[in-house]
Protein backbone atom coordinates (compact mmCIF):
# COMPACT_ATOMS: atom_id res chain seq x y z
CA UNK A 1 30.46 64.44 192.79
CA UNK A 2 32.20 67.51 194.13
CA UNK A 3 32.21 71.21 193.25
CA UNK A 4 35.70 72.31 192.23
CA UNK A 5 34.85 75.91 191.34
CA UNK A 6 31.87 78.25 191.57
CA UNK A 7 31.60 81.32 189.28
CA UNK A 8 29.30 84.04 190.61
CA UNK A 9 29.19 86.15 187.45
CA UNK A 10 25.89 87.95 188.11
CA UNK A 11 23.94 86.67 191.07
CA UNK A 12 22.66 88.33 194.24
CA UNK A 13 25.24 90.79 195.59
CA UNK A 14 28.08 89.23 193.59
CA UNK A 15 29.53 90.40 190.28
CA UNK A 16 32.36 88.52 188.54
CA UNK A 17 33.41 86.65 191.68
CA UNK A 18 34.97 83.17 191.66
CA UNK A 19 35.16 80.71 194.55
CA UNK A 20 37.74 77.91 194.12
CA UNK A 21 37.46 74.75 196.23
CA UNK A 22 40.66 72.75 195.74
CA UNK A 23 40.69 69.06 196.51
CA UNK A 24 42.55 68.08 199.67
CA UNK A 25 43.06 65.05 201.88
CA UNK A 26 40.24 66.21 204.11
CA UNK A 27 37.87 67.46 201.43
CA UNK A 28 35.82 69.79 203.63
CA UNK A 29 35.59 73.55 203.10
CA UNK A 30 34.18 75.90 205.72
CA UNK A 31 32.97 79.35 204.59
CA UNK A 32 32.38 81.98 207.27
CA UNK A 33 31.49 85.64 207.11
CA UNK A 34 29.64 88.48 208.78
CA UNK A 35 25.94 89.11 208.44
CA UNK A 36 24.90 90.18 204.95
CA UNK A 37 28.27 89.02 203.60
CA UNK A 38 26.56 86.71 201.10
CA UNK A 39 26.71 83.25 202.71
CA UNK A 40 23.04 82.51 202.02
CA UNK A 41 23.42 83.85 198.48
CA UNK A 42 26.38 81.53 197.99
CA UNK A 43 24.37 78.49 199.21
CA UNK A 44 21.46 79.41 196.92
CA UNK A 45 23.88 79.91 194.01
CA UNK A 46 25.04 76.30 194.40
CA UNK A 47 21.43 75.04 194.28
CA UNK A 48 20.47 77.25 191.32
CA UNK A 49 23.59 76.24 189.40
CA UNK A 50 22.81 72.56 189.74
CA UNK A 51 19.01 72.58 189.38
CA UNK A 52 18.16 75.82 187.60
CA UNK A 53 17.30 79.40 188.53
CA UNK A 54 13.60 79.68 189.50
CA UNK A 55 11.20 81.79 187.49
CA UNK A 56 10.88 84.12 190.47
CA UNK A 57 13.89 84.64 192.67
CA UNK A 58 14.84 87.09 195.38
CA UNK A 59 18.45 87.31 194.20
CA UNK A 60 17.85 89.75 191.35
CA UNK A 61 18.06 92.88 193.50
CA UNK A 62 21.37 93.99 191.97
CA UNK A 63 21.18 92.56 188.45
CA UNK A 64 18.18 92.14 186.20
CA UNK A 65 16.59 88.73 186.46
CA UNK A 66 17.24 88.14 182.76
CA UNK A 67 20.96 88.91 183.30
CA UNK A 68 21.59 86.39 186.10
CA UNK A 69 24.52 84.09 185.27
CA UNK A 70 26.24 81.30 187.22
CA UNK A 71 29.07 78.93 186.32
CA UNK A 72 31.26 76.26 187.79
CA UNK A 73 33.28 73.08 187.48
CA UNK A 74 31.93 69.71 188.69
CA UNK A 75 34.12 66.65 189.25
CA UNK A 76 32.98 63.05 189.46
CA UNK A 77 35.81 60.57 189.67
CA UNK A 78 38.07 61.29 186.76
CA UNK A 79 35.49 63.27 184.84
CA UNK A 80 34.93 67.03 185.05
CA UNK A 81 32.37 69.36 183.54
CA UNK A 82 32.79 73.12 183.19
CA UNK A 83 29.62 74.96 182.26
CA UNK A 84 27.49 78.08 182.71
CA UNK A 85 23.81 78.49 183.52
CA UNK A 86 21.81 81.44 182.18
CA UNK A 87 18.41 82.65 183.37
CA UNK A 88 16.29 81.62 180.42
CA UNK A 89 13.75 78.95 179.62
CA UNK A 90 15.42 77.66 176.44
CA UNK A 91 18.97 76.24 176.39
CA UNK A 92 20.09 77.60 179.76
CA UNK A 93 23.18 75.31 179.96
CA UNK A 94 26.30 76.04 177.93
CA UNK A 95 29.59 74.13 178.20
CA UNK A 96 33.07 75.55 177.94
CA UNK A 97 33.05 75.07 174.13
CA UNK A 98 29.93 77.20 173.83
CA UNK A 99 27.63 74.31 172.97
CA UNK A 100 24.24 73.77 174.57
CA UNK A 101 23.49 70.63 176.54
CA UNK A 102 20.39 69.33 178.31
CA UNK A 103 19.37 69.04 181.94
CA UNK A 104 19.34 65.23 181.55
CA UNK A 105 23.05 65.20 180.80
CA UNK A 106 23.71 67.28 183.91
CA UNK A 107 21.33 65.05 185.91
CA UNK A 108 23.45 61.99 185.14
CA UNK A 109 26.40 63.70 186.80
CA UNK A 110 24.19 64.60 189.80
CA UNK A 111 23.07 61.00 190.28
CA UNK A 112 19.43 61.66 189.42
CA UNK A 113 18.78 63.87 192.47
CA UNK A 114 16.34 66.78 192.38
CA UNK A 115 16.18 70.20 194.02
CA UNK A 116 14.02 69.12 196.99
CA UNK A 117 16.33 66.24 197.88
CA UNK A 118 19.43 68.43 197.66
CA UNK A 119 17.94 71.28 199.72
CA UNK A 120 16.68 68.92 202.48
CA UNK A 121 20.02 67.15 202.78
CA UNK A 122 22.61 69.79 201.84
CA UNK A 123 20.83 73.13 201.67
CA UNK A 124 19.21 73.76 205.05
CA UNK A 125 18.72 77.42 205.85
CA UNK A 126 16.65 79.41 208.31
CA UNK A 127 13.47 79.18 206.24
CA UNK A 128 13.93 75.39 205.76
CA UNK A 129 14.39 74.92 209.49
CA UNK A 130 11.24 76.90 210.25
CA UNK A 131 9.28 74.90 207.65
CA UNK A 132 10.60 71.61 209.03
CA UNK A 133 9.63 72.58 212.55
CA UNK A 134 6.09 73.32 211.39
CA UNK A 135 5.93 69.99 209.61
CA UNK A 136 7.14 68.22 212.74
CA UNK A 137 4.47 69.93 214.80
CA UNK A 138 1.76 69.26 212.25
CA UNK A 139 3.12 65.90 211.14
CA UNK A 140 1.77 66.87 207.74
CA UNK A 141 4.59 65.41 205.71
CA UNK A 142 6.53 62.20 205.70
CA UNK A 143 9.70 64.09 206.52
CA UNK A 144 8.13 65.73 209.57
CA UNK A 145 6.63 62.47 210.72
CA UNK A 146 9.96 60.69 210.38
CA UNK A 147 11.74 63.37 212.38
CA UNK A 148 9.02 63.27 215.06
CA UNK A 149 9.21 59.47 215.36
CA UNK A 150 13.00 59.54 215.49
CA UNK A 151 12.95 62.13 218.26
CA UNK A 152 10.18 60.36 220.25
CA UNK A 153 11.46 56.82 219.72
CA UNK A 154 8.04 55.73 218.43
CA UNK A 155 6.96 54.23 215.19
CA UNK A 156 3.56 54.25 213.56
CA UNK A 157 2.37 57.21 215.62
CA UNK A 158 1.78 59.23 212.51
CA UNK A 159 -1.01 56.80 211.55
CA UNK A 160 -3.06 57.69 214.63
CA UNK A 161 -4.59 60.93 213.36
CA UNK A 162 -5.69 59.19 210.20
CA UNK A 163 -7.42 56.44 212.19
CA UNK A 164 -8.97 59.02 214.50
CA UNK A 165 -10.37 60.89 211.56
CA UNK A 166 -12.13 57.82 210.20
CA UNK A 167 -14.92 57.86 212.74
CA UNK A 168 -13.48 57.88 216.24
CA UNK A 169 -15.01 60.42 218.58
CA UNK A 170 -13.13 63.71 218.86
CA UNK A 171 -11.35 64.03 222.18
CA UNK A 172 -12.45 66.79 224.52
CA UNK A 173 -10.84 68.43 227.52
CA UNK A 174 -7.96 70.86 228.22
CA UNK A 175 -5.95 69.61 225.29
CA UNK A 176 -8.78 70.49 222.94
CA UNK A 177 -8.91 73.97 224.33
CA UNK A 178 -5.13 74.28 223.99
CA UNK A 179 -5.34 73.01 220.42
CA UNK A 180 -8.07 75.53 219.69
CA UNK A 181 -5.84 78.34 221.01
CA UNK A 182 -2.96 77.04 218.94
CA UNK A 183 -5.01 76.87 215.75
CA UNK A 184 -6.40 80.32 216.42
CA UNK A 185 -2.86 81.68 216.78
CA UNK A 186 -1.81 79.77 213.71
CA UNK A 187 -4.69 81.29 211.76
CA UNK A 188 -3.66 84.75 212.86
CA UNK A 189 -0.10 83.98 211.86
CA UNK A 190 -1.25 82.83 208.43
CA UNK A 191 -3.29 85.99 208.01
CA UNK A 192 -0.28 88.03 209.03
CA UNK A 193 1.87 86.19 206.49
CA UNK A 194 -0.73 86.84 203.78
CA UNK A 195 -0.81 90.52 204.69
CA UNK A 196 2.99 90.59 204.65
CA UNK A 197 3.02 89.08 201.18
CA UNK A 198 0.57 91.72 199.98
CA UNK A 199 2.58 94.62 201.34
CA UNK A 200 5.99 93.11 200.62
CA UNK A 201 7.86 94.39 197.58
CA UNK A 202 9.80 92.02 195.41
CA UNK A 203 13.31 92.81 194.29
CA UNK A 204 12.14 93.24 190.71
CA UNK A 205 9.49 95.76 191.75
CA UNK A 206 12.00 97.48 193.98
CA UNK A 207 14.54 97.76 191.14
CA UNK A 208 11.83 99.03 188.79
CA UNK A 209 10.71 101.61 191.32
CA UNK A 210 14.33 102.58 191.93
CA UNK A 211 14.92 103.10 188.22
CA UNK A 212 11.75 105.16 187.96
CA UNK A 213 12.85 107.21 190.96
CA UNK A 214 16.32 107.78 189.49
CA UNK A 215 14.80 108.82 186.16
CA UNK A 216 12.38 111.16 187.93
CA UNK A 217 15.26 112.60 190.00
CA UNK A 218 17.29 113.19 186.84
CA UNK A 219 14.34 114.90 185.14
CA UNK A 220 13.74 117.00 188.25
CA UNK A 221 17.38 118.11 188.25
CA UNK A 222 17.13 119.01 184.56
CA UNK A 223 13.91 120.93 185.22
CA UNK A 224 15.53 122.70 188.16
CA UNK A 225 18.54 123.61 185.99
CA UNK A 226 16.22 124.92 183.26
CA UNK A 227 14.30 126.89 185.88
CA UNK A 228 17.52 128.44 187.16
CA UNK A 229 18.49 129.41 183.62
CA UNK A 230 15.07 130.95 183.01
CA UNK A 231 15.21 132.77 186.33
CA UNK A 232 18.68 134.10 185.49
CA UNK A 233 17.40 135.35 182.13
CA UNK A 234 14.40 136.95 183.79
CA UNK A 235 16.59 138.76 186.31
CA UNK A 236 18.82 139.96 183.46
CA UNK A 237 15.83 141.29 181.53
CA UNK A 238 14.53 142.94 184.69
CA UNK A 239 17.86 144.72 185.16
CA UNK A 240 17.77 145.82 181.52
CA UNK A 241 14.22 147.13 182.01
CA UNK A 242 15.27 149.14 185.05
CA UNK A 243 18.27 150.74 183.37
CA UNK A 244 16.57 151.36 179.99
CA UNK A 245 15.45 154.96 180.86
CA UNK A 246 18.95 155.82 182.06
CA UNK A 247 20.44 154.32 178.88
CA UNK A 248 18.07 156.36 176.73
CA UNK A 249 19.13 159.54 178.55
CA UNK A 250 22.76 158.54 178.10
CA UNK A 251 22.27 157.96 174.36
CA UNK A 252 20.53 161.36 174.05
CA UNK A 253 23.39 163.03 175.91
CA UNK A 254 25.97 161.32 173.67
CA UNK A 255 24.07 162.41 170.54
CA UNK A 256 23.88 166.00 171.85
CA UNK A 257 27.58 165.98 172.62
CA UNK A 258 28.38 164.74 169.09
CA UNK A 259 26.15 167.46 167.69
CA UNK A 260 27.93 170.15 169.73
CA UNK A 261 31.33 168.84 168.76
CA UNK A 262 34.41 168.30 170.79
CA UNK A 263 34.56 170.87 173.62
CA UNK A 264 37.61 173.02 174.16
CA UNK A 265 39.92 171.74 176.81
CA UNK A 266 40.49 174.16 179.64
CA UNK A 267 44.01 174.79 180.92
CA UNK A 268 45.17 173.43 184.19
CA UNK A 269 44.41 176.75 185.95
CA UNK A 270 41.45 178.20 184.04
CA UNK A 271 40.54 180.76 186.68
CA UNK A 272 44.00 182.37 186.66
CA UNK A 273 44.13 182.27 182.86
CA UNK A 274 40.74 183.99 182.64
CA UNK A 275 41.82 186.66 185.14
CA UNK A 276 45.04 187.36 183.21
CA UNK A 277 43.17 187.54 179.92
CA UNK A 278 40.65 190.00 181.35
CA UNK A 279 43.51 192.12 182.71
CA UNK A 280 45.25 192.09 179.29
CA UNK A 281 41.99 193.09 177.58
CA UNK A 282 41.48 195.95 180.01
CA UNK A 283 45.08 197.13 179.49
CA UNK A 284 44.71 196.97 175.68
CA UNK A 285 41.45 198.90 175.83
CA UNK A 286 43.14 201.57 177.96
CA UNK A 287 46.01 201.86 175.50
CA UNK A 288 43.54 202.01 172.62
CA UNK A 289 41.77 204.88 174.38
CA UNK A 290 45.07 206.76 174.76
CA UNK A 291 46.28 206.18 171.19
CA UNK A 292 42.98 206.83 169.44
CA UNK A 293 43.33 210.72 169.41
CA UNK A 294 46.93 210.51 168.21
CA UNK A 295 45.96 208.03 165.51
CA UNK A 296 43.23 210.43 164.38
CA UNK A 297 45.73 213.30 164.15
CA UNK A 298 48.22 211.24 162.17
CA UNK A 299 45.48 210.10 159.83
CA UNK A 300 44.41 213.72 159.23
CA UNK A 301 48.02 214.81 158.61
CA UNK A 302 48.57 211.94 156.21
CA UNK A 303 45.42 212.88 154.32
CA UNK A 304 46.64 216.51 154.03
CA UNK A 305 49.81 215.54 152.17
CA UNK A 306 49.60 216.37 148.43
CA UNK A 307 52.16 214.93 146.03
CA UNK A 308 53.26 216.84 142.88
CA UNK A 309 53.00 213.78 140.71
CA UNK A 310 53.27 210.08 140.71
CA UNK A 311 56.52 208.56 141.83
CA UNK A 312 58.03 205.15 141.93
CA UNK A 313 59.49 204.17 145.26
CA UNK A 314 62.82 202.48 145.09
CA UNK A 315 63.29 199.05 146.51
CA UNK A 316 64.88 199.08 149.93
CA UNK A 317 65.93 195.49 149.61
CA UNK A 318 68.58 194.03 147.39
CA UNK A 319 68.62 190.45 146.31
CA UNK A 320 71.81 188.55 147.13
CA UNK A 321 72.56 187.99 143.46
CA UNK A 322 72.29 191.71 142.55
CA UNK A 323 75.61 193.66 142.44
CA UNK A 324 75.85 196.56 144.79
CA UNK A 325 75.77 199.90 143.14
CA UNK A 326 76.89 203.27 144.52
CA UNK A 327 80.02 205.11 145.01
CA UNK A 328 82.63 202.91 146.65
CA UNK A 329 85.06 204.94 148.71
CA UNK A 330 83.29 208.18 147.58
CA UNK A 331 84.71 207.90 144.05
CA UNK A 332 82.36 209.58 141.49
CA UNK A 333 80.01 210.81 144.30
CA UNK A 334 78.34 214.13 143.33
CA UNK A 335 78.82 217.12 145.55
CA UNK A 336 76.24 218.08 148.12
CA UNK A 337 75.01 221.14 146.26
CA UNK A 338 74.62 219.17 143.07
CA UNK A 339 72.61 216.53 144.94
CA UNK A 340 70.31 219.15 146.39
CA UNK A 341 69.78 220.63 142.95
CA UNK A 342 68.85 217.26 141.59
CA UNK A 343 66.41 216.75 144.45
CA UNK A 344 64.74 220.09 143.83
CA UNK A 345 64.65 219.37 140.13
CA UNK A 346 62.84 216.09 140.79
CA UNK A 347 60.33 217.09 143.44
CA UNK A 348 60.18 220.84 143.24
CA UNK A 349 60.73 223.37 146.00
CA UNK A 350 57.06 223.33 146.94
CA UNK A 351 57.19 219.69 148.00
CA UNK A 352 60.21 219.81 150.30
CA UNK A 353 58.16 219.44 153.45
CA UNK A 354 56.34 216.41 152.11
CA UNK A 355 59.61 215.06 150.77
CA UNK A 356 61.17 215.32 154.21
CA UNK A 357 58.25 213.44 155.69
CA UNK A 358 58.67 210.72 153.13
CA UNK A 359 62.42 210.49 153.01
CA UNK A 360 62.54 207.49 155.33
CA UNK A 361 60.56 205.56 152.75
CA UNK A 362 62.03 207.14 149.60
CA UNK A 363 65.78 207.53 149.83
CA UNK A 364 67.07 210.28 147.55
CA UNK A 365 70.05 212.64 147.24
CA UNK A 366 68.73 215.06 149.82
CA UNK A 367 69.72 212.72 152.65
CA UNK A 368 73.35 213.26 151.70
CA UNK A 369 73.88 209.57 151.34
CA UNK A 370 74.67 207.48 148.34
CA UNK A 371 71.68 206.11 146.49
CA UNK A 372 71.49 202.30 146.62
CA UNK A 373 71.51 201.87 142.86
CA UNK A 374 73.55 204.99 141.90
CA UNK A 375 72.51 207.73 139.48
CA UNK A 376 70.72 206.56 136.35
CA UNK A 377 69.45 208.55 133.41
CA UNK A 378 65.89 207.22 133.72
CA UNK A 379 65.82 208.31 137.38
CA UNK A 380 66.64 211.92 136.49
CA UNK A 381 63.47 212.15 134.48
CA UNK A 382 60.02 212.20 135.93
CA UNK A 383 58.48 208.77 136.20
CA UNK A 384 55.67 207.88 133.89
CA UNK A 385 52.14 208.13 135.25
CA UNK A 386 51.51 204.41 134.97
CA UNK A 387 54.68 203.42 136.87
CA UNK A 388 54.01 205.06 140.23
């Protein structure tokens, strides 16, 4: 029987790794590697594939013990078997077709060997060598006794201790004292091993503790993030609390400004504008002081004017659509004496002075100019009292 392929799907430090061992003329494969490269894990994977994964194993430090999975191809003459082994108590073996098969079927291909036989002959490691050395020294097992006899060239020596223990007197002397020292050291070593087992942590416990630590670390990070958020909110509220009085004053000032309305914008040079305005006001006041007496005199003179009767002032403006009336080129214009007579007939001789004062507003014949609308019959008569 030979191993043609070994599938390390989930075992020890390996994940989805395949080791192919092709058949050659010299069918011997040597696997080398640095420390912690996985050589011991590879040797143990061969044993566990053939004889089952133990209930407790130290090769579950990367994958869960329930997820461990091995596979391979075994060849025996012209026959070959490709299968997988799962870590479970029921139906751990599955062939390439996906069907379950028993350990007895696999044992036929292995020639009826068991785990102990395979490990002693093909699976020696450091721990096996140490155990074998202890057995040789103690001669407590047939294997140790056989190795001791082969090395010493003696046979039947292993039966001596049994015969000595049946009633022969116990030897005394230096060897006894040396044996006592050895057994004392061995007892201390056993106690140390027991203590080591108590304080040692299995891979399963280590993985569980690691998961708990990772979960606690994640929760601590979430709590720290929440604390930072709360602290940020607190600082924001503290800033709002500090500026609240200033904001209230600002709102009061804005409300007062809205109540007062939009202020007038000052010019670019308000001081000069104010100075000029004050100078203009002073100049206007001075002029008002000078013109006030004259204005009083004119008002008194205007109040002293007495008109003979109501009159209707003529319009000084002519609309563009009205035809111009008068005496073009002096044709039909009355003589000057006739015009004066008409004027005296209208206003009377007693109102000449007032008529002269008012002639700029009321144009009549006495100005020796043509009337704007020419002589009309209704103008020769006195105007009616209601038409002044």
